[in-house]
Each structure stands twice: as C-alpha cells, then as structure tokens.
C-alpha cells in the first residue's frame, strides 16, 4: 500500500537546476561581457552598418575564433568573391584558406539570382559540415530579388527557420544606407532575428570614430549603451 509520501518528488529532483544555455564566444575582445558571455547557440544574429563599419571583418573574426578551437565554420558570401574575403582576412593574420584545406571550414559564393531555393542549400551545407558557426554576408541582396517587404520578410524568416535546429550560431549582415536612421536597408531584417548589433562610422574632422551598439538580444541581459570600437592588425575590439 502506497503512502502519500510516495507521490512526492525526490529531494534531488526538487533541487535540480535548469541546464545553463550554451554560448559561443564572439571572438571580439570586449564584446562577450556586453552580451551575457557570448552568442547563444542555435540563434541567428544580424550585424548591420554602413560602408566601412567592419561588418565583414567582424564576421571573419567570429569564424576565426571558432576555427582556432576546432569548431567547423561555413561562410556564405552572397556579394564578394571568396578570394577577396580571404585576402582581407589575411591582413589580420587569419589564414582561412588553411582551414578550408583542412576541411574544417568552407567559404562559398552563392548567387541568389541563380538559385531556386537558397534556404535548402544553406541548411544542407551547414548540416553536412556540422558547423558551429555560420555567416551569411550580406542579406541586403535579397531585397533586389523579392518584390515586396512582405515577401522579403517571409523569405528571411524561412531561411532563419531552416538554420534553427542546426546547433550553430549564425551571423547575418545587412547594409544601412549612409545618413539613414534605419537599422537595416529594408527595415524588415531586424524583426526576424534573435539579436541585432549595429556598427556605425562617423567622421570627426580628420578623425574617424567607429561604434558598436547591442540593440537587441533575446534571452540575454545586454548592454544598452554605445561603445567605441577599435581596429588593429589583430582585428576588432570593443571598449567597455
């Protein structure tokens, strides 16, 4: 005969804490402390900014951080040719080509104008590589393909949905038109992602000032300030 105590949960079950969410370091010195320790795995983030703000460098540095730790990466370049991105990366001492030869990394140029279903192609490559880090640079080109903002938002949502469940952290980039107060070129990209990082460039006489703002970060207590961003021969760093 059972007693009422038999129905009570074991004391260890009561004490069990939920598993800590997994995060990956951004690879950008100074940034992780502003975003709760790093990027949440299985989430998709948008890095926006005008010309010369460092979006591609930011993404290459993020990929390189993972490669140094043995984490497979995939970089989809929708505008620049892969050799140009790799050439720029070498200026900071990042030999992406070496990791590509070692089959830990792939960089591909995908032309959305020539692909019937880029969503399936991206997901297939990410799963095949068992990628931990993914970059899609840049989503702005989608706006030249789809006729309306509704269609653009729908297609971006489908792409993000396809990346969910892969276990990777994905960074997407988007352009901001010079002088615009908007957060992305088509004003829809920022609504479908889990997080938004805004890079800005301002000329101050003969000086230039680059800044970073964490505008949105789901499930994360993040900095709400604007932080100076520095460039060196080792890449980007963020001031606290």
C-alpha atoms as a PDB file:
ATOM      1  CA  UNK A   1       0.000   0.000   0.000  1.00  0.00           C
ATOM      2  CA  UNK A   2       1.499   3.304  -1.014  1.00  0.00           C
ATOM      3  CA  UNK A   3       1.606   6.347   1.221  1.00  0.00           C
ATOM      4  CA  UNK A   4       1.203  10.000   0.328  1.00  0.00           C
ATOM      5  CA  UNK A   5       4.977  10.373   0.614  1.00  0.00           C
ATOM      6  CA  UNK A   6       5.454   8.049  -2.374  1.00  0.00           C
ATOM      7  CA  UNK A   7       3.960  10.690  -4.634  1.00  0.00           C
ATOM      8  CA  UNK A   8       6.374  13.410  -3.576  1.00  0.00           C
ATOM      9  CA  UNK A   9       9.308  14.088  -5.921  1.00  0.00           C
ATOM     10  CA  UNK A  10      12.736  13.025  -4.761  1.00  0.00           C
ATOM     11  CA  UNK A  11      14.606  15.778  -2.921  1.00  0.00           C
ATOM     12  CA  UNK A  12      17.329  15.785  -5.603  1.00  0.00           C
ATOM     13  CA  UNK A  13      14.693  16.343  -8.291  1.00  0.00           C
ATOM     14  CA  UNK A  14      13.464  19.376  -6.410  1.00  0.00           C
ATOM     15  CA  UNK A  15      16.998  20.740  -6.168  1.00  0.00           C
ATOM     16  CA  UNK A  16      17.814  20.210  -9.856  1.00  0.00           C
ATOM     17  CA  UNK A  17      18.501  23.443 -11.701  1.00  0.00           C
ATOM     18  CA  UNK A  18      17.726  24.030 -15.377  1.00  0.00           C
ATOM     19  CA  UNK A  19      20.643  23.464 -17.717  1.00  0.00           C
ATOM     20  CA  UNK A  20      22.683  26.554 -18.488  1.00  0.00           C
ATOM     21  CA  UNK A  21      22.178  27.811 -22.031  1.00  0.00           C
ATOM     22  CA  UNK A  22      25.133  27.125 -24.303  1.00  0.00           C
ATOM     23  CA  UNK A  23      27.021  30.126 -25.683  1.00  0.00           C
ATOM     24  CA  UNK A  24      29.901  30.663 -28.087  1.00  0.00           C
ATOM     25  CA  UNK A  25      32.453  33.431 -27.713  1.00  0.00           C
ATOM     26  CA  UNK A  26      32.112  36.164 -30.324  1.00  0.00           C
ATOM     27  CA  UNK A  27      35.890  36.329 -30.743  1.00  0.00           C
ATOM     28  CA  UNK A  28      35.635  40.136 -30.440  1.00  0.00           C
ATOM     29  CA  UNK A  29      37.570  41.290 -27.322  1.00  0.00           C
ATOM     30  CA  UNK A  30      35.274  43.265 -25.049  1.00  0.00           C
ATOM     31  CA  UNK A  31      32.009  42.128 -26.662  1.00  0.00           C
ATOM     32  CA  UNK A  32      31.171  38.931 -24.769  1.00  0.00           C
ATOM     33  CA  UNK A  33      30.800  40.772 -21.457  1.00  0.00           C
ATOM     34  CA  UNK A  34      28.212  43.031 -23.129  1.00  0.00           C
ATOM     35  CA  UNK A  35      26.044  40.132 -24.357  1.00  0.00           C
ATOM     36  CA  UNK A  36      25.841  37.770 -21.399  1.00  0.00           C
ATOM     37  CA  UNK A  37      29.015  35.825 -22.146  1.00  0.00           C
ATOM     38  CA  UNK A  38      28.650  35.202 -25.879  1.00  0.00           C
ATOM     39  CA  UNK A  39      26.183  34.256 -28.603  1.00  0.00           C
ATOM     40  CA  UNK A  40      23.514  31.658 -27.797  1.00  0.00           C
ATOM     41  CA  UNK A  41      23.841  28.511 -29.888  1.00  0.00           C
ATOM     42  CA  UNK A  42      21.037  27.885 -32.382  1.00  0.00           C
ATOM     43  CA  UNK A  43      20.289  31.615 -32.581  1.00  0.00           C
ATOM     44  CA  UNK A  44      20.591  33.972 -35.553  1.00  0.00           C
ATOM     45  CA  UNK A  45      22.038  37.474 -35.215  1.00  0.00           C
ATOM     46  CA  UNK A  46      22.097  40.443 -37.563  1.00  0.00           C
ATOM     47  CA  UNK A  47      25.167  42.693 -37.837  1.00  0.00           C
ATOM     48  CA  UNK A  48      24.208  45.935 -39.572  1.00  0.00           C
ATOM     49  CA  UNK A  49      26.158  49.003 -40.587  1.00  0.00           C
ATOM     50  CA  UNK A  50      27.098  51.318 -43.420  1.00  0.00           C
ATOM     51  CA  UNK A  51      30.067  51.023 -45.733  1.00  0.00           C
ATOM     52  CA  UNK A  52      33.386  50.751 -43.882  1.00  0.00           C
ATOM     53  CA  UNK A  53      31.953  49.921 -40.471  1.00  0.00           C
ATOM     54  CA  UNK A  54      33.635  46.490 -40.330  1.00  0.00           C
ATOM     55  CA  UNK A  55      30.779  44.026 -40.875  1.00  0.00           C
ATOM     56  CA  UNK A  56      32.803  41.524 -42.910  1.00  0.00           C
ATOM     57  CA  UNK A  57      35.830  41.805 -40.604  1.00  0.00           C
ATOM     58  CA  UNK A  58      33.515  41.231 -37.625  1.00  0.00           C
ATOM     59  CA  UNK A  59      32.169  38.050 -39.232  1.00  0.00           C
ATOM     60  CA  UNK A  60      35.603  36.761 -40.271  1.00  0.00           C
ATOM     61  CA  UNK A  61      36.888  37.301 -36.734  1.00  0.00           C
ATOM     62  CA  UNK A  62      33.881  35.398 -35.352  1.00  0.00           C
ATOM     63  CA  UNK A  63      34.560  32.479 -37.716  1.00  0.00           C
ATOM     64  CA  UNK A  64      38.291  32.504 -36.935  1.00  0.00           C
ATOM     65  CA  UNK A  65      37.621  32.317 -33.189  1.00  0.00           C
ATOM     66  CA  UNK A  66      35.812  29.042 -33.735  1.00  0.00           C
ATOM     67  CA  UNK A  67      38.371  27.578 -36.132  1.00  0.00           C
ATOM     68  CA  UNK A  68      41.133  28.111 -33.566  1.00  0.00           C
ATOM     69  CA  UNK A  69      39.035  25.978 -31.177  1.00  0.00           C
ATOM     70  CA  UNK A  70      38.316  23.277 -33.734  1.00  0.00           C
ATOM     71  CA  UNK A  71      34.735  24.427 -34.377  1.00  0.00           C
ATOM     72  CA  UNK A  72      33.678  23.928 -38.025  1.00  0.00           C
ATOM     73  CA  UNK A  73      32.510  27.042 -39.853  1.00  0.00           C
ATOM     74  CA  UNK A  74      30.636  27.944 -43.040  1.00  0.00           C
ATOM     75  CA  UNK A  75      30.783  31.350 -44.716  1.00  0.00           C
ATOM     76  CA  UNK A  76      28.268  32.131 -47.463  1.00  0.00           C
ATOM     77  CA  UNK A  77      29.347  35.214 -49.395  1.00  0.00           C
ATOM     78  CA  UNK A  78      26.423  36.497 -51.448  1.00  0.00           C
ATOM     79  CA  UNK A  79      28.221  39.513 -52.911  1.00  0.00           C
ATOM     80  CA  UNK A  80      32.026  39.458 -52.578  1.00  0.00           C
ATOM     81  CA  UNK A  81      34.078  36.671 -54.095  1.00  0.00           C
ATOM     82  CA  UNK A  82      35.590  34.262 -51.524  1.00  0.00           C
ATOM     83  CA  UNK A  83      39.182  35.023 -52.559  1.00  0.00           C
ATOM     84  CA  UNK A  84      38.608  38.710 -51.781  1.00  0.00           C
ATOM     85  CA  UNK A  85      37.207  37.962 -48.316  1.00  0.00           C
ATOM     86  CA  UNK A  86      40.117  35.627 -47.578  1.00  0.00           C
ATOM     87  CA  UNK A  87      42.618  38.198 -48.833  1.00  0.00           C
ATOM     88  CA  UNK A  88      41.171  40.803 -46.466  1.00  0.00           C
ATOM     89  CA  UNK A  89      41.285  38.285 -43.593  1.00  0.00           C
ATOM     90  CA  UNK A  90      44.989  37.642 -44.171  1.00  0.00           C
ATOM     91  CA  UNK A  91      45.658  41.311 -43.382  1.00  0.00           C
ATOM     92  CA  UNK A  92      44.771  40.424 -39.785  1.00  0.00           C
ATOM     93  CA  UNK A  93      46.750  37.184 -39.741  1.00  0.00           C
ATOM     94  CA  UNK A  94      43.720  34.935 -40.294  1.00  0.00           C
ATOM     95  CA  UNK A  95      44.555  32.143 -42.715  1.00  0.00           C
ATOM     96  CA  UNK A  96      41.053  30.950 -43.594  1.00  0.00           C
ATOM     97  CA  UNK A  97      42.373  29.119 -46.651  1.00  0.00           C
ATOM     98  CA  UNK A  98      44.418  26.801 -44.438  1.00  0.00           C
ATOM     99  CA  UNK A  99      41.327  25.714 -42.505  1.00  0.00           C
ATOM    100  CA  UNK A 100      39.461  25.239 -45.766  1.00  0.00           C
ATOM    101  CA  UNK A 101      42.199  22.864 -46.944  1.00  0.00           C
ATOM    102  CA  UNK A 102      41.904  21.062 -43.596  1.00  0.00           C
ATOM    103  CA  UNK A 103      38.147  20.674 -44.292  1.00  0.00           C
ATOM    104  CA  UNK A 104      37.199  22.463 -41.084  1.00  0.00           C
ATOM    105  CA  UNK A 105      35.849  25.438 -42.992  1.00  0.00           C
ATOM    106  CA  UNK A 106      34.130  26.207 -46.271  1.00  0.00           C
ATOM    107  CA  UNK A 107      33.568  29.556 -47.924  1.00  0.00           C
ATOM    108  CA  UNK A 108      31.232  29.691 -50.884  1.00  0.00           C
ATOM    109  CA  UNK A 109      29.903  32.359 -53.173  1.00  0.00           C
ATOM    110  CA  UNK A 110      26.174  31.824 -53.630  1.00  0.00           C
ATOM    111  CA  UNK A 111      24.274  33.880 -56.186  1.00  0.00           C
ATOM    112  CA  UNK A 112      20.640  34.153 -55.004  1.00  0.00           C
ATOM    113  CA  UNK A 113      19.615  35.239 -58.506  1.00  0.00           C
ATOM    114  CA  UNK A 114      20.652  31.832 -59.848  1.00  0.00           C
ATOM    115  CA  UNK A 115      19.325  29.654 -57.027  1.00  0.00           C
ATOM    116  CA  UNK A 116      15.736  28.437 -56.875  1.00  0.00           C
ATOM    117  CA  UNK A 117      15.958  27.525 -53.188  1.00  0.00           C
ATOM    118  CA  UNK A 118      18.874  29.031 -51.301  1.00  0.00           C
ATOM    119  CA  UNK A 119      17.284  28.052 -47.968  1.00  0.00           C
ATOM    120  CA  UNK A 120      17.620  24.300 -48.595  1.00  0.00           C
ATOM    121  CA  UNK A 121      21.140  24.722 -49.985  1.00  0.00           C
ATOM    122  CA  UNK A 122      22.316  26.653 -46.925  1.00  0.00           C
ATOM    123  CA  UNK A 123      20.815  24.201 -44.434  1.00  0.00           C
ATOM    124  CA  UNK A 124      22.239  21.185 -46.303  1.00  0.00           C
ATOM    125  CA  UNK A 125      25.775  22.622 -46.258  1.00  0.00           C
ATOM    126  CA  UNK A 126      25.572  23.609 -42.576  1.00  0.00           C
ATOM    127  CA  UNK A 127      24.410  20.143 -41.538  1.00  0.00           C
ATOM    128  CA  UNK A 128      26.976  18.384 -43.732  1.00  0.00           C
ATOM    129  CA  UNK A 129      29.798  20.390 -42.135  1.00  0.00           C
ATOM    130  CA  UNK A 130      28.297  20.027 -38.648  1.00  0.00           C
ATOM    131  CA  UNK A 131      29.050  23.721 -38.446  1.00  0.00           C
ATOM    132  CA  UNK A 132      29.131  25.543 -35.130  1.00  0.00           C
ATOM    133  CA  UNK A 133      29.488  28.975 -36.741  1.00  0.00           C
ATOM    134  CA  UNK A 134      27.770  30.253 -39.871  1.00  0.00           C
ATOM    135  CA  UNK A 135      27.979  33.593 -41.696  1.00  0.00           C
ATOM    136  CA  UNK A 136      25.650  34.889 -44.414  1.00  0.00           C
ATOM    137  CA  UNK A 137      27.096  38.086 -45.906  1.00  0.00           C
ATOM    138  CA  UNK A 138      25.037  40.010 -46.978  1.00  0.00           C
ATOM    139  CA  UNK A 139      21.248  39.655 -46.760  1.00  0.00           C
ATOM    140  CA  UNK A 140      20.775  43.054 -48.423  1.00  0.00           C
ATOM    141  CA  UNK A 141      20.974  41.407 -51.830  1.00  0.00           C
ATOM    142  CA  UNK A 142      17.679  39.598 -51.129  1.00  0.00           C
ATOM    143  CA  UNK A 143      15.926  42.952 -51.368  1.00  0.00           C
ATOM    144  CA  UNK A 144      16.902  43.107 -55.040  1.00  0.00           C
ATOM    145  CA  UNK A 145      15.206  39.771 -55.717  1.00  0.00           C
ATOM    146  CA  UNK A 146      11.904  39.940 -53.863  1.00  0.00           C
ATOM    147  CA  UNK A 147       9.333  42.478 -54.957  1.00  0.00           C
ATOM    148  CA  UNK A 148       7.786  43.474 -51.623  1.00  0.00           C
ATOM    149  CA  UNK A 149       8.851  43.838 -47.981  1.00  0.00           C
ATOM    150  CA  UNK A 150       6.288  41.167 -47.110  1.00  0.00           C
ATOM    151  CA  UNK A 151       7.946  38.674 -49.450  1.00  0.00           C
ATOM    152  CA  UNK A 152      11.427  39.626 -48.217  1.00  0.00           C
ATOM    153  CA  UNK A 153      10.426  39.163 -44.584  1.00  0.00           C
ATOM    154  CA  UNK A 154       8.791  35.813 -45.393  1.00  0.00           C
ATOM    155  CA  UNK A 155      11.901  34.506 -47.211  1.00  0.00           C
ATOM    156  CA  UNK A 156      14.272  35.687 -44.475  1.00  0.00           C
ATOM    157  CA  UNK A 157      12.054  34.040 -41.883  1.00  0.00           C
ATOM    158  CA  UNK A 158      12.177  30.780 -43.835  1.00  0.00           C
ATOM    159  CA  UNK A 159      15.966  30.968 -44.029  1.00  0.00           C
ATOM    160  CA  UNK A 160      16.266  31.623 -40.294  1.00  0.00           C
ATOM    161  CA  UNK A 161      13.832  28.808 -39.522  1.00  0.00           C
ATOM    162  CA  UNK A 162      15.979  26.454 -41.614  1.00  0.00           C
ATOM    163  CA  UNK A 163      19.065  27.422 -39.593  1.00  0.00           C
ATOM    164  CA  UNK A 164      17.299  26.804 -36.308  1.00  0.00           C
ATOM    165  CA  UNK A 165      17.916  23.285 -35.043  1.00  0.00           C
ATOM    166  CA  UNK A 166      21.349  23.013 -36.651  1.00  0.00           C
ATOM    167  CA  UNK A 167      23.053  23.877 -33.337  1.00  0.00           C
ATOM    168  CA  UNK A 168      25.063  26.658 -34.964  1.00  0.00           C
ATOM    169  CA  UNK A 169      25.367  30.345 -34.198  1.00  0.00           C
ATOM    170  CA  UNK A 170      24.583  32.304 -37.365  1.00  0.00           C
ATOM    171  CA  UNK A 171      25.625  35.863 -38.147  1.00  0.00           C
ATOM    172  CA  UNK A 172      23.906  37.674 -40.998  1.00  0.00           C
ATOM    173  CA  UNK A 173      24.964  41.074 -42.263  1.00  0.00           C
ATOM    174  CA  UNK A 174      22.860  43.887 -43.682  1.00  0.00           C
ATOM    175  CA  UNK A 175      23.699  47.322 -45.020  1.00  0.00           C
ATOM    176  CA  UNK A 176      22.453  50.634 -43.714  1.00  0.00           C
ATOM    177  CA  UNK A 177      22.201  53.429 -46.268  1.00  0.00           C
ATOM    178  CA  UNK A 178      24.570  56.301 -45.472  1.00  0.00           C
ATOM    179  CA  UNK A 179      22.820  59.010 -43.452  1.00  0.00           C
ATOM    180  CA  UNK A 180      19.810  56.824 -42.703  1.00  0.00           C
ATOM    181  CA  UNK A 181      18.408  56.426 -39.200  1.00  0.00           C
ATOM    182  CA  UNK A 182      17.054  52.965 -40.011  1.00  0.00           C
ATOM    183  CA  UNK A 183      18.575  49.761 -38.620  1.00  0.00           C
ATOM    184  CA  UNK A 184      18.748  47.908 -41.946  1.00  0.00           C
ATOM    185  CA  UNK A 185      18.371  48.641 -45.639  1.00  0.00           C
ATOM    186  CA  UNK A 186      14.802  47.336 -45.985  1.00  0.00           C
ATOM    187  CA  UNK A 187      13.596  47.783 -42.366  1.00  0.00           C
ATOM    188  CA  UNK A 188      12.475  44.157 -42.017  1.00  0.00           C
ATOM    189  CA  UNK A 189      15.679  42.214 -41.332  1.00  0.00           C
ATOM    190  CA  UNK A 190      15.967  43.253 -37.685  1.00  0.00           C
ATOM    191  CA  UNK A 191      12.495  41.914 -36.829  1.00  0.00           C
ATOM    192  CA  UNK A 192      13.120  38.269 -37.758  1.00  0.00           C
ATOM    193  CA  UNK A 193      16.442  37.670 -35.963  1.00  0.00           C
ATOM    194  CA  UNK A 194      17.253  36.854 -32.335  1.00  0.00           C
ATOM    195  CA  UNK A 195      19.766  39.656 -31.901  1.00  0.00           C
ATOM    196  CA  UNK A 196      20.883  42.882 -33.538  1.00  0.00           C
ATOM    197  CA  UNK A 197      24.315  44.524 -33.411  1.00  0.00           C
ATOM    198  CA  UNK A 198      24.653  47.942 -35.046  1.00  0.00           C
ATOM    199  CA  UNK A 199      28.042  49.202 -36.261  1.00  0.00           C
ATOM    200  CA  UNK A 200      28.423  52.901 -37.044  1.00  0.00           C
ATOM    201  CA  UNK A 201      31.100  55.140 -38.537  1.00  0.00           C
ATOM    202  CA  UNK A 202      31.338  58.891 -38.010  1.00  0.00           C
ATOM    203  CA  UNK A 203      33.912  61.367 -39.327  1.00  0.00           C
ATOM    204  CA  UNK A 204      35.118  63.896 -36.766  1.00  0.00           C
ATOM    205  CA  UNK A 205      37.281  66.323 -38.710  1.00  0.00           C
ATOM    206  CA  UNK A 206      40.404  64.366 -39.625  1.00  0.00           C
ATOM    207  CA  UNK A 207      39.468  61.628 -37.168  1.00  0.00           C
ATOM    208  CA  UNK A 208      37.080  58.703 -37.584  1.00  0.00           C
ATOM    209  CA  UNK A 209      35.002  57.205 -34.799  1.00  0.00           C
ATOM    210  CA  UNK A 210      33.568  53.683 -35.030  1.00  0.00           C
ATOM    211  CA  UNK A 211      30.997  52.471 -32.522  1.00  0.00           C
ATOM    212  CA  UNK A 212      29.034  49.322 -31.649  1.00  0.00           C
ATOM    213  CA  UNK A 213      25.564  49.107 -30.138  1.00  0.00           C
ATOM    214  CA  UNK A 214      23.798  45.934 -28.979  1.00  0.00           C
ATOM    215  CA  UNK A 215      20.288  46.931 -29.975  1.00  0.00           C
ATOM    216  CA  UNK A 216      18.513  43.619 -29.395  1.00  0.00           C
ATOM    217  CA  UNK A 217      19.407  40.278 -27.803  1.00  0.00           C
ATOM    218  CA  UNK A 218      16.699  37.760 -26.919  1.00  0.00           C
ATOM    219  CA  UNK A 219      17.026  35.834 -23.649  1.00  0.00           C
ATOM    220  CA  UNK A 220      20.062  37.904 -22.741  1.00  0.00           C
ATOM    221  CA  UNK A 221      20.673  40.797 -20.397  1.00  0.00           C
ATOM    222  CA  UNK A 222      22.846  43.016 -22.565  1.00  0.00           C
ATOM    223  CA  UNK A 223      24.475  46.418 -22.593  1.00  0.00           C
ATOM    224  CA  UNK A 224      22.226  49.228 -23.789  1.00  0.00           C
ATOM    225  CA  UNK A 225      24.989  51.739 -24.338  1.00  0.00           C
ATOM    226  CA  UNK A 226      27.048  52.757 -27.352  1.00  0.00           C
ATOM    227  CA  UNK A 227      30.654  51.567 -27.197  1.00  0.00           C
ATOM    228  CA  UNK A 228      33.722  52.709 -29.092  1.00  0.00           C
ATOM    229  CA  UNK A 229      35.178  50.124 -31.424  1.00  0.00           C
ATOM    230  CA  UNK A 230      38.868  49.905 -32.271  1.00  0.00           C
ATOM    231  CA  UNK A 231      40.654  48.354 -35.253  1.00  0.00           C
ATOM    232  CA  UNK A 232      44.199  46.983 -35.122  1.00  0.00           C
ATOM    233  CA  UNK A 233      46.300  44.462 -37.038  1.00  0.00           C
ATOM    234  CA  UNK A 234      44.659  41.800 -34.846  1.00  0.00           C
ATOM    235  CA  UNK A 235      41.099  42.784 -35.730  1.00  0.00           C
ATOM    236  CA  UNK A 236      38.264  44.489 -33.875  1.00  0.00           C
ATOM    237  CA  UNK A 237      37.953  45.149 -30.151  1.00  0.00           C
ATOM    238  CA  UNK A 238      35.201  46.895 -28.179  1.00  0.00           C
ATOM    239  CA  UNK A 239      35.741  49.355 -25.354  1.00  0.00           C
ATOM    240  CA  UNK A 240      33.762  48.806 -22.152  1.00  0.00           C
END
